[in-house]
N, C-alpha and C. Protein backbone atom coordinates (compact mmCIF):
# COMPACT_ATOMS: atom_id res chain seq x y z
N MET A 1 0.84 -1.18 0.00
CA MET A 1 0.00 0.00 0.00
C MET A 1 0.89 1.25 0.00
N VAL A 2 0.52 2.22 -0.84
CA VAL A 2 1.29 3.46 -0.95
C VAL A 2 0.87 4.42 0.17
N ALA A 3 1.87 5.01 0.83
CA ALA A 3 1.59 5.96 1.92
C ALA A 3 1.01 7.24 1.34
N ALA A 4 0.04 7.82 2.05
CA ALA A 4 -0.58 9.07 1.62
C ALA A 4 0.23 10.25 2.15
N VAL A 5 0.68 11.12 1.24
CA VAL A 5 1.47 12.30 1.60
C VAL A 5 0.66 13.54 1.24
N GLU A 6 0.52 14.46 2.19
CA GLU A 6 -0.22 15.69 1.95
C GLU A 6 0.53 16.87 2.54
N VAL A 7 0.70 17.93 1.73
CA VAL A 7 1.31 19.17 2.19
C VAL A 7 0.20 20.20 2.35
N ARG A 8 0.24 20.92 3.46
CA ARG A 8 -0.78 21.95 3.70
C ARG A 8 -0.19 23.04 4.58
N ASP A 9 -0.89 24.16 4.67
CA ASP A 9 -0.49 25.22 5.58
C ASP A 9 -0.74 24.77 7.01
N ALA A 10 0.22 25.07 7.89
CA ALA A 10 0.09 24.69 9.29
C ALA A 10 -1.09 25.42 9.91
N GLN A 11 -1.75 24.74 10.83
CA GLN A 11 -2.89 25.29 11.56
C GLN A 11 -2.52 25.33 13.05
N PRO A 12 -3.20 26.17 13.84
CA PRO A 12 -2.87 26.23 15.27
C PRO A 12 -2.89 24.87 15.96
N GLY A 13 -3.72 23.96 15.52
CA GLY A 13 -3.79 22.63 16.11
C GLY A 13 -2.55 21.78 15.86
N ASP A 14 -1.66 22.23 14.98
CA ASP A 14 -0.42 21.51 14.68
C ASP A 14 0.71 21.90 15.63
N ALA A 15 0.44 22.77 16.60
CA ALA A 15 1.50 23.32 17.46
C ALA A 15 2.34 22.25 18.13
N ASP A 16 1.72 21.23 18.72
CA ASP A 16 2.49 20.19 19.41
C ASP A 16 3.44 19.47 18.44
N ALA A 17 2.93 19.13 17.26
CA ALA A 17 3.77 18.44 16.27
C ALA A 17 4.91 19.34 15.80
N LEU A 18 4.64 20.63 15.64
CA LEU A 18 5.68 21.57 15.21
C LEU A 18 6.77 21.73 16.27
N VAL A 19 6.37 21.75 17.54
CA VAL A 19 7.37 21.85 18.62
C VAL A 19 8.25 20.60 18.61
N THR A 20 7.65 19.44 18.41
CA THR A 20 8.42 18.19 18.34
C THR A 20 9.39 18.23 17.16
N LEU A 21 8.93 18.70 16.01
CA LEU A 21 9.80 18.81 14.83
C LEU A 21 10.92 19.81 15.07
N TRP A 22 10.61 20.92 15.74
CA TRP A 22 11.65 21.91 16.04
C TRP A 22 12.72 21.31 16.95
N ARG A 23 12.27 20.52 17.93
CA ARG A 23 13.21 19.87 18.86
C ARG A 23 14.15 18.94 18.07
N GLU A 24 13.58 18.16 17.14
CA GLU A 24 14.40 17.28 16.30
C GLU A 24 15.37 18.08 15.45
N LEU A 25 14.87 19.15 14.84
CA LEU A 25 15.69 19.99 13.97
C LEU A 25 16.86 20.61 14.73
N SER A 26 16.59 21.05 15.95
CA SER A 26 17.63 21.74 16.72
C SER A 26 18.64 20.78 17.34
N THR A 27 18.38 19.48 17.28
CA THR A 27 19.35 18.51 17.80
C THR A 27 19.82 17.56 16.70
N ALA A 28 19.58 17.92 15.46
CA ALA A 28 19.97 17.07 14.33
C ALA A 28 21.47 16.83 14.36
N ALA A 29 21.88 15.68 13.96
CA ALA A 29 23.29 15.26 13.89
C ALA A 29 23.94 15.17 15.26
N GLY A 30 23.15 15.29 16.33
CA GLY A 30 23.68 15.14 17.67
C GLY A 30 24.63 16.25 18.09
N LEU A 31 24.66 17.34 17.33
CA LEU A 31 25.55 18.45 17.65
C LEU A 31 24.78 19.58 18.31
N PRO A 32 25.42 20.38 19.14
CA PRO A 32 24.71 21.51 19.74
C PRO A 32 24.25 22.47 18.66
N SER A 33 23.05 22.95 18.80
CA SER A 33 22.46 23.83 17.79
C SER A 33 22.51 25.28 18.23
N ARG A 34 22.60 26.15 17.27
CA ARG A 34 22.53 27.58 17.56
C ARG A 34 21.10 28.09 17.40
N LEU A 35 20.19 27.20 17.00
CA LEU A 35 18.80 27.60 16.85
C LEU A 35 18.20 27.90 18.23
N PRO A 36 17.19 28.77 18.25
CA PRO A 36 16.52 29.02 19.53
C PRO A 36 15.92 27.74 20.09
N ALA A 37 15.80 27.68 21.41
CA ALA A 37 15.20 26.52 22.07
C ALA A 37 13.77 26.34 21.58
N PRO A 38 13.26 25.12 21.63
CA PRO A 38 11.88 24.91 21.21
C PRO A 38 10.92 25.79 22.02
N PRO A 39 9.91 26.36 21.35
CA PRO A 39 8.93 27.17 22.08
C PRO A 39 7.94 26.26 22.80
N SER A 40 7.13 26.85 23.64
CA SER A 40 6.03 26.10 24.25
C SER A 40 4.97 25.87 23.17
N ALA A 41 4.11 24.91 23.38
CA ALA A 41 3.04 24.65 22.43
C ALA A 41 2.13 25.87 22.30
N ALA A 42 1.89 26.57 23.41
CA ALA A 42 1.03 27.76 23.38
C ALA A 42 1.66 28.87 22.52
N ALA A 43 2.97 29.08 22.68
CA ALA A 43 3.67 30.09 21.87
C ALA A 43 3.67 29.70 20.40
N ALA A 44 3.86 28.42 20.12
CA ALA A 44 3.84 27.94 18.73
C ALA A 44 2.46 28.14 18.12
N GLU A 45 1.43 27.92 18.90
CA GLU A 45 0.06 28.10 18.41
C GLU A 45 -0.19 29.55 18.00
N VAL A 46 0.26 30.48 18.83
CA VAL A 46 0.12 31.91 18.51
C VAL A 46 0.90 32.25 17.24
N ALA A 47 2.14 31.74 17.13
CA ALA A 47 2.97 32.01 15.95
C ALA A 47 2.33 31.46 14.68
N VAL A 48 1.79 30.25 14.75
CA VAL A 48 1.14 29.65 13.58
C VAL A 48 -0.03 30.51 13.14
N SER A 49 -0.80 31.02 14.09
CA SER A 49 -1.94 31.88 13.76
C SER A 49 -1.50 33.12 13.01
N LYS A 50 -0.36 33.69 13.41
CA LYS A 50 0.16 34.88 12.73
C LYS A 50 0.55 34.56 11.29
N HIS A 51 1.15 33.39 11.08
CA HIS A 51 1.59 33.02 9.73
C HIS A 51 0.42 32.83 8.77
N LEU A 52 -0.72 32.45 9.28
CA LEU A 52 -1.88 32.23 8.42
C LEU A 52 -2.31 33.51 7.71
N GLY A 53 -2.05 34.66 8.33
CA GLY A 53 -2.43 35.94 7.72
C GLY A 53 -1.31 36.66 7.01
N ASP A 54 -0.16 36.03 6.84
CA ASP A 54 1.01 36.69 6.24
C ASP A 54 1.07 36.41 4.73
N PRO A 55 0.86 37.43 3.89
CA PRO A 55 0.89 37.19 2.45
C PRO A 55 2.30 36.93 1.90
N ALA A 56 3.34 37.25 2.69
CA ALA A 56 4.72 37.06 2.21
C ALA A 56 5.37 35.81 2.77
N GLY A 57 4.63 35.00 3.54
CA GLY A 57 5.23 33.81 4.12
C GLY A 57 4.20 32.73 4.34
N ARG A 58 4.68 31.50 4.36
CA ARG A 58 3.82 30.34 4.64
C ARG A 58 4.58 29.35 5.51
N LEU A 59 3.91 28.83 6.51
CA LEU A 59 4.46 27.75 7.32
C LEU A 59 3.74 26.49 6.89
N LEU A 60 4.49 25.55 6.33
CA LEU A 60 3.92 24.32 5.81
C LEU A 60 4.17 23.16 6.75
N VAL A 61 3.25 22.22 6.72
CA VAL A 61 3.48 20.91 7.33
C VAL A 61 3.21 19.87 6.26
N VAL A 62 3.85 18.71 6.43
CA VAL A 62 3.59 17.60 5.52
C VAL A 62 3.16 16.41 6.37
N GLU A 63 2.09 15.78 5.92
CA GLU A 63 1.55 14.62 6.64
C GLU A 63 1.87 13.34 5.89
N LEU A 64 2.11 12.30 6.66
CA LEU A 64 2.25 10.95 6.14
C LEU A 64 1.17 10.12 6.81
N ASP A 65 0.24 9.63 6.02
CA ASP A 65 -0.90 8.87 6.53
C ASP A 65 -1.62 9.61 7.66
N GLY A 66 -1.82 10.92 7.47
CA GLY A 66 -2.60 11.70 8.41
C GLY A 66 -1.86 12.25 9.61
N GLU A 67 -0.56 11.94 9.76
CA GLU A 67 0.23 12.47 10.88
C GLU A 67 1.30 13.42 10.37
N VAL A 68 1.48 14.54 11.07
CA VAL A 68 2.48 15.54 10.70
C VAL A 68 3.87 14.99 10.97
N HIS A 69 4.70 14.98 9.91
CA HIS A 69 6.07 14.46 10.04
C HIS A 69 7.12 15.40 9.44
N GLY A 70 6.71 16.58 8.99
CA GLY A 70 7.68 17.48 8.41
C GLY A 70 7.15 18.90 8.36
N MET A 71 8.08 19.83 8.16
CA MET A 71 7.71 21.24 8.11
C MET A 71 8.69 22.00 7.21
N ALA A 72 8.25 23.18 6.80
CA ALA A 72 9.11 24.12 6.07
C ALA A 72 8.48 25.50 6.18
N TYR A 73 9.33 26.50 6.23
CA TYR A 73 8.86 27.88 6.27
C TYR A 73 9.26 28.55 4.97
N LEU A 74 8.29 29.09 4.25
CA LEU A 74 8.54 29.75 2.97
C LEU A 74 8.40 31.26 3.15
N ARG A 75 9.34 32.00 2.56
CA ARG A 75 9.27 33.47 2.58
C ARG A 75 9.48 33.99 1.18
N ARG A 76 8.67 34.96 0.78
CA ARG A 76 8.87 35.65 -0.50
C ARG A 76 9.62 36.95 -0.21
N THR A 77 10.81 37.08 -0.78
CA THR A 77 11.64 38.26 -0.55
C THR A 77 12.33 38.66 -1.85
N ALA A 78 12.94 39.84 -1.84
CA ALA A 78 13.74 40.27 -2.98
C ALA A 78 14.96 39.37 -3.08
N VAL A 79 15.36 39.03 -4.30
CA VAL A 79 16.50 38.14 -4.48
C VAL A 79 17.79 38.79 -3.97
N SER A 80 17.84 40.12 -4.01
CA SER A 80 18.96 40.87 -3.45
C SER A 80 18.51 42.32 -3.30
N PRO A 81 19.27 43.13 -2.58
CA PRO A 81 18.88 44.54 -2.46
C PRO A 81 19.07 45.32 -3.76
N LEU A 82 19.75 44.72 -4.73
CA LEU A 82 20.03 45.41 -5.99
C LEU A 82 19.19 44.91 -7.16
N HIS A 83 18.32 43.94 -6.91
CA HIS A 83 17.51 43.36 -7.99
C HIS A 83 16.03 43.55 -7.70
N ASP A 84 15.25 43.60 -8.77
CA ASP A 84 13.82 43.76 -8.64
C ASP A 84 13.10 42.41 -8.56
N ASP A 85 13.82 41.32 -8.86
CA ASP A 85 13.22 39.99 -8.84
C ASP A 85 12.97 39.52 -7.41
N ASN A 86 11.97 38.67 -7.27
CA ASN A 86 11.69 38.05 -5.98
C ASN A 86 12.13 36.60 -5.99
N THR A 87 12.33 36.07 -4.81
CA THR A 87 12.65 34.66 -4.64
C THR A 87 11.79 34.10 -3.52
N VAL A 88 11.59 32.81 -3.54
CA VAL A 88 10.99 32.13 -2.40
C VAL A 88 12.14 31.42 -1.69
N THR A 89 12.29 31.71 -0.41
CA THR A 89 13.31 31.07 0.40
C THR A 89 12.65 30.04 1.29
N VAL A 90 13.20 28.84 1.30
CA VAL A 90 12.70 27.76 2.13
C VAL A 90 13.64 27.63 3.33
N GLU A 91 13.10 27.79 4.52
CA GLU A 91 13.89 27.70 5.74
C GLU A 91 13.29 26.65 6.67
N TYR A 92 14.10 26.14 7.56
CA TYR A 92 13.67 25.18 8.59
C TYR A 92 12.98 23.97 7.96
N LEU A 93 13.50 23.55 6.83
CA LEU A 93 13.01 22.34 6.17
C LEU A 93 13.43 21.15 7.00
N HIS A 94 12.45 20.36 7.43
CA HIS A 94 12.79 19.21 8.27
C HIS A 94 11.73 18.12 8.12
N VAL A 95 12.20 16.90 7.99
CA VAL A 95 11.34 15.72 7.98
C VAL A 95 11.82 14.81 9.11
N SER A 96 10.90 14.32 9.90
CA SER A 96 11.28 13.47 11.03
C SER A 96 11.98 12.20 10.55
N ASP A 97 12.89 11.70 11.37
CA ASP A 97 13.62 10.48 11.03
C ASP A 97 12.68 9.32 10.73
N ALA A 98 11.59 9.24 11.47
CA ALA A 98 10.65 8.12 11.32
C ALA A 98 9.96 8.11 9.96
N ALA A 99 9.96 9.26 9.27
CA ALA A 99 9.21 9.35 8.01
C ALA A 99 10.11 9.61 6.79
N ARG A 100 11.40 9.41 6.95
CA ARG A 100 12.30 9.63 5.81
C ARG A 100 12.06 8.57 4.73
N ARG A 101 12.47 8.91 3.51
CA ARG A 101 12.39 8.00 2.35
C ARG A 101 10.95 7.71 1.92
N HIS A 102 10.04 8.64 2.21
CA HIS A 102 8.66 8.51 1.75
C HIS A 102 8.25 9.66 0.83
N GLY A 103 9.21 10.53 0.46
CA GLY A 103 8.91 11.63 -0.44
C GLY A 103 8.39 12.89 0.22
N LEU A 104 8.50 13.00 1.54
CA LEU A 104 7.98 14.18 2.23
C LEU A 104 8.79 15.43 1.91
N GLY A 105 10.12 15.30 1.87
CA GLY A 105 10.97 16.43 1.52
C GLY A 105 10.67 16.92 0.11
N LYS A 106 10.53 15.99 -0.83
CA LYS A 106 10.19 16.36 -2.21
C LYS A 106 8.84 17.06 -2.27
N ALA A 107 7.89 16.57 -1.48
CA ALA A 107 6.56 17.18 -1.48
C ALA A 107 6.62 18.62 -0.96
N LEU A 108 7.43 18.87 0.07
CA LEU A 108 7.58 20.23 0.59
C LEU A 108 8.24 21.14 -0.44
N ILE A 109 9.29 20.65 -1.09
CA ILE A 109 9.98 21.45 -2.12
C ILE A 109 9.05 21.69 -3.31
N ALA A 110 8.26 20.68 -3.69
CA ALA A 110 7.31 20.85 -4.80
C ALA A 110 6.29 21.94 -4.49
N GLU A 111 5.84 21.99 -3.24
CA GLU A 111 4.89 23.04 -2.85
C GLU A 111 5.58 24.41 -2.88
N ALA A 112 6.84 24.48 -2.48
CA ALA A 112 7.59 25.73 -2.54
C ALA A 112 7.73 26.21 -3.99
N VAL A 113 8.03 25.27 -4.89
CA VAL A 113 8.14 25.61 -6.32
C VAL A 113 6.79 26.11 -6.85
N ALA A 114 5.72 25.42 -6.51
CA ALA A 114 4.38 25.82 -6.98
C ALA A 114 4.03 27.21 -6.47
N TRP A 115 4.36 27.49 -5.20
CA TRP A 115 4.05 28.82 -4.65
C TRP A 115 4.93 29.88 -5.31
N ALA A 116 6.20 29.57 -5.56
CA ALA A 116 7.10 30.51 -6.25
C ALA A 116 6.54 30.85 -7.64
N GLU A 117 6.09 29.84 -8.36
CA GLU A 117 5.52 30.08 -9.69
C GLU A 117 4.24 30.91 -9.58
N HIS A 118 3.40 30.61 -8.60
CA HIS A 118 2.16 31.37 -8.39
C HIS A 118 2.45 32.83 -8.07
N GLU A 119 3.53 33.07 -7.33
CA GLU A 119 3.91 34.43 -6.92
C GLU A 119 4.84 35.10 -7.94
N SER A 120 5.04 34.48 -9.09
CA SER A 120 5.92 35.00 -10.15
C SER A 120 7.36 35.19 -9.68
N CYS A 121 7.83 34.27 -8.86
CA CYS A 121 9.22 34.28 -8.38
C CYS A 121 10.02 33.33 -9.25
N ALA A 122 11.04 33.84 -9.91
CA ALA A 122 11.84 33.02 -10.81
C ALA A 122 12.90 32.20 -10.09
N HIS A 123 13.09 32.44 -8.80
CA HIS A 123 14.16 31.78 -8.07
C HIS A 123 13.64 31.08 -6.82
N LEU A 124 14.36 30.05 -6.42
CA LEU A 124 14.07 29.33 -5.17
C LEU A 124 15.39 29.18 -4.43
N ALA A 125 15.39 29.51 -3.16
CA ALA A 125 16.57 29.34 -2.31
C ALA A 125 16.17 28.47 -1.13
N VAL A 126 17.03 27.54 -0.75
CA VAL A 126 16.75 26.67 0.37
C VAL A 126 17.91 26.74 1.35
N VAL A 127 17.60 27.00 2.61
CA VAL A 127 18.62 27.07 3.66
C VAL A 127 18.74 25.68 4.28
N ALA A 128 19.97 25.17 4.32
CA ALA A 128 20.23 23.86 4.93
C ALA A 128 21.53 23.95 5.72
N PRO A 129 21.59 23.30 6.88
CA PRO A 129 22.84 23.33 7.65
C PRO A 129 23.98 22.71 6.86
N ALA A 130 25.15 23.32 6.93
CA ALA A 130 26.31 22.82 6.19
C ALA A 130 26.66 21.39 6.59
N ILE A 131 26.40 21.02 7.85
CA ILE A 131 26.76 19.67 8.31
C ILE A 131 25.73 18.62 7.94
N ALA A 132 24.59 19.03 7.39
CA ALA A 132 23.52 18.09 7.03
C ALA A 132 23.81 17.51 5.65
N ARG A 133 24.69 16.52 5.59
CA ARG A 133 25.12 15.95 4.31
C ARG A 133 23.97 15.41 3.49
N GLU A 134 23.12 14.62 4.13
CA GLU A 134 22.01 14.00 3.40
C GLU A 134 21.07 15.05 2.81
N ALA A 135 20.74 16.08 3.60
CA ALA A 135 19.87 17.15 3.12
C ALA A 135 20.52 17.90 1.96
N ASN A 136 21.82 18.18 2.07
CA ASN A 136 22.50 18.91 1.02
C ASN A 136 22.61 18.08 -0.26
N ARG A 137 22.81 16.78 -0.14
CA ARG A 137 22.82 15.92 -1.33
C ARG A 137 21.45 15.91 -1.99
N PHE A 138 20.41 15.80 -1.18
CA PHE A 138 19.04 15.82 -1.68
C PHE A 138 18.78 17.11 -2.46
N LEU A 139 19.16 18.25 -1.89
CA LEU A 139 18.94 19.53 -2.54
C LEU A 139 19.77 19.66 -3.81
N ALA A 140 21.00 19.16 -3.79
CA ALA A 140 21.85 19.20 -4.99
C ALA A 140 21.23 18.39 -6.12
N ARG A 141 20.65 17.23 -5.78
CA ARG A 141 19.99 16.41 -6.81
C ARG A 141 18.83 17.15 -7.46
N LEU A 142 18.23 18.09 -6.74
CA LEU A 142 17.11 18.87 -7.28
C LEU A 142 17.59 20.12 -8.02
N GLY A 143 18.91 20.28 -8.14
CA GLY A 143 19.45 21.41 -8.91
C GLY A 143 19.80 22.63 -8.09
N LEU A 144 19.75 22.53 -6.79
CA LEU A 144 20.07 23.67 -5.92
C LEU A 144 21.54 23.63 -5.55
N GLY A 145 22.28 24.65 -5.94
CA GLY A 145 23.71 24.74 -5.63
C GLY A 145 23.96 25.64 -4.44
N GLN A 146 25.12 25.47 -3.82
CA GLN A 146 25.47 26.29 -2.66
C GLN A 146 25.77 27.71 -3.10
N ALA A 147 25.14 28.67 -2.44
CA ALA A 147 25.35 30.07 -2.76
C ALA A 147 25.99 30.83 -1.60
N GLY A 148 26.08 30.22 -0.45
CA GLY A 148 26.66 30.90 0.71
C GLY A 148 26.48 30.04 1.94
N VAL A 149 26.90 30.57 3.07
CA VAL A 149 26.75 29.89 4.34
C VAL A 149 26.03 30.85 5.27
N LEU A 150 24.96 30.39 5.87
CA LEU A 150 24.21 31.18 6.83
C LEU A 150 24.76 30.91 8.21
N ARG A 151 25.15 31.94 8.91
CA ARG A 151 25.66 31.78 10.28
C ARG A 151 24.66 32.42 11.22
N PHE A 152 24.51 31.84 12.40
CA PHE A 152 23.44 32.23 13.31
C PHE A 152 23.99 32.31 14.73
N ALA A 153 23.67 33.37 15.44
CA ALA A 153 24.04 33.52 16.86
C ALA A 153 23.09 34.53 17.48
N ASN A 154 23.03 34.53 18.81
CA ASN A 154 22.20 35.58 19.43
C ASN A 154 23.00 36.88 19.45
N THR A 155 22.30 37.99 19.51
CA THR A 155 22.95 39.29 19.40
C THR A 155 23.92 39.57 20.55
N LEU A 156 23.61 39.07 21.75
CA LEU A 156 24.50 39.29 22.89
C LEU A 156 25.87 38.66 22.64
N THR A 157 25.90 37.46 22.08
CA THR A 157 27.17 36.80 21.77
C THR A 157 27.97 37.63 20.78
N VAL A 158 27.33 38.10 19.73
CA VAL A 158 28.03 38.89 18.71
C VAL A 158 28.51 40.21 19.30
N ARG A 159 27.69 40.85 20.14
CA ARG A 159 28.09 42.11 20.77
C ARG A 159 29.33 41.91 21.63
N ARG A 160 29.37 40.82 22.41
CA ARG A 160 30.54 40.54 23.25
C ARG A 160 31.78 40.31 22.41
N ARG A 161 31.64 39.57 21.31
CA ARG A 161 32.79 39.28 20.46
C ARG A 161 33.28 40.56 19.78
N LEU A 162 32.36 41.41 19.36
CA LEU A 162 32.76 42.69 18.76
C LEU A 162 33.53 43.53 19.77
N ALA A 163 33.04 43.58 20.99
CA ALA A 163 33.71 44.36 22.03
C ALA A 163 35.10 43.78 22.32
N ALA A 164 35.22 42.46 22.35
CA ALA A 164 36.51 41.83 22.62
C ALA A 164 37.51 42.12 21.50
N GLU A 165 37.05 42.15 20.26
CA GLU A 165 37.96 42.42 19.14
C GLU A 165 38.45 43.86 19.14
N HIS A 166 37.63 44.76 19.68
CA HIS A 166 38.03 46.16 19.68
C HIS A 166 38.75 46.57 20.96
N ALA A 167 38.78 45.70 21.95
CA ALA A 167 39.51 45.99 23.19
C ALA A 167 41.00 45.83 22.92
N PRO A 168 41.85 46.54 23.67
CA PRO A 168 43.30 46.37 23.47
C PRO A 168 43.72 44.93 23.76
N ASN A 169 44.73 44.51 23.09
CA ASN A 169 45.25 43.17 23.28
C ASN A 169 45.83 43.08 24.69
N LEU A 170 45.24 42.24 25.50
CA LEU A 170 45.63 42.14 26.91
C LEU A 170 47.08 41.72 27.08
N LEU A 171 47.54 40.76 26.29
CA LEU A 171 48.93 40.31 26.42
C LEU A 171 49.92 41.42 26.06
N ALA A 172 49.60 42.16 25.00
CA ALA A 172 50.48 43.27 24.61
C ALA A 172 50.49 44.35 25.70
N LEU A 173 49.33 44.60 26.28
CA LEU A 173 49.24 45.59 27.36
C LEU A 173 50.06 45.16 28.57
N LEU A 174 49.92 43.90 28.98
CA LEU A 174 50.70 43.41 30.12
C LEU A 174 52.19 43.45 29.83
N SER A 175 52.59 43.07 28.63
CA SER A 175 54.00 43.09 28.25
C SER A 175 54.57 44.50 28.31
N SER A 176 53.83 45.47 27.79
CA SER A 176 54.33 46.85 27.81
C SER A 176 54.42 47.37 29.24
N ARG A 177 53.48 46.96 30.10
CA ARG A 177 53.53 47.38 31.51
C ARG A 177 54.76 46.77 32.19
N ARG A 178 55.04 45.49 31.92
CA ARG A 178 56.22 44.85 32.51
C ARG A 178 57.49 45.58 32.07
N SER A 179 57.56 45.93 30.78
CA SER A 179 58.74 46.65 30.26
C SER A 179 58.88 48.00 30.94
N ALA A 180 57.77 48.69 31.15
CA ALA A 180 57.82 50.00 31.81
C ALA A 180 58.30 49.85 33.25
N PHE A 181 57.80 48.83 33.96
CA PHE A 181 58.24 48.59 35.34
C PHE A 181 59.74 48.26 35.36
N ALA A 182 60.20 47.48 34.42
CA ALA A 182 61.62 47.10 34.36
C ALA A 182 62.47 48.33 34.10
N ARG A 183 62.06 49.20 33.18
CA ARG A 183 62.82 50.43 32.89
C ARG A 183 62.88 51.34 34.12
N ARG A 184 61.76 51.45 34.83
CA ARG A 184 61.74 52.26 36.04
C ARG A 184 62.68 51.69 37.10
N ALA A 185 62.66 50.37 37.24
CA ALA A 185 63.52 49.72 38.24
C ALA A 185 64.99 49.93 37.90
N VAL A 186 65.34 49.82 36.62
CA VAL A 186 66.73 50.03 36.20
C VAL A 186 67.12 51.48 36.43
N SER A 187 66.25 52.42 36.00
CA SER A 187 66.61 53.83 36.12
C SER A 187 66.64 54.27 37.60
N SER A 188 65.74 53.79 38.42
CA SER A 188 65.78 54.18 39.83
C SER A 188 66.93 53.47 40.54
N GLY A 189 67.26 52.26 40.15
CA GLY A 189 68.42 51.55 40.72
C GLY A 189 69.71 52.22 40.32
N GLY A 190 69.80 52.72 39.10
CA GLY A 190 71.00 53.39 38.62
C GLY A 190 71.20 54.73 39.32
N SER A 191 70.10 55.48 39.56
CA SER A 191 70.25 56.76 40.24
C SER A 191 70.56 56.58 41.70
N GLU A 192 70.07 55.50 42.33
CA GLU A 192 70.41 55.24 43.72
C GLU A 192 71.90 54.92 43.86
N SER A 193 72.43 54.07 42.93
CA SER A 193 73.85 53.70 43.06
C SER A 193 74.74 54.90 42.73
N ALA A 194 74.25 55.83 41.90
CA ALA A 194 75.06 57.00 41.60
C ALA A 194 75.12 57.93 42.79
N GLY A 195 74.08 57.95 43.65
CA GLY A 195 74.05 58.81 44.82
C GLY A 195 74.86 58.26 45.99
N LYS A 196 75.27 56.99 45.92
CA LYS A 196 75.98 56.39 47.07
C LYS A 196 77.39 56.76 47.05
């Protein structure tokens, strides 16, 4: 029997499944993630409701035999600040391990392509973690090439690193202070012996 696959816009009732998928996505490959921690089901429900009214974005879920096993977030944006063309960007594309190899990822990408065509977007961009080999191979097979690397951190971390890079080099500062103390010791020792 062939499994039934259906892609649709996420509804507030999908909040629990979306939180579970987010948890899987943020711990994929067993490595620490820079993604935000999973939200509560109540917060996810509110967020899903907001997406339903957004003409520039869609939050999709994909079902396998009536159960949600995957998600993707689509955004329509300018392809660059210097071009008039639009693109559809696919972010947070994820299919649960339990439902892999059933065509759910292809179904999500097919819906993204259909929406891009409907919105007259000539381009499609998909964000995938650099360490996600299987996902990147899948996307490459569909004709999507690497265009860059997306890096993610919270603003406090970046602010601290910026401040550290602009602070004086601590080792150089300590070294110059030691040299100054040594020069003072030599010059004060030399003047003391000259006075004796």
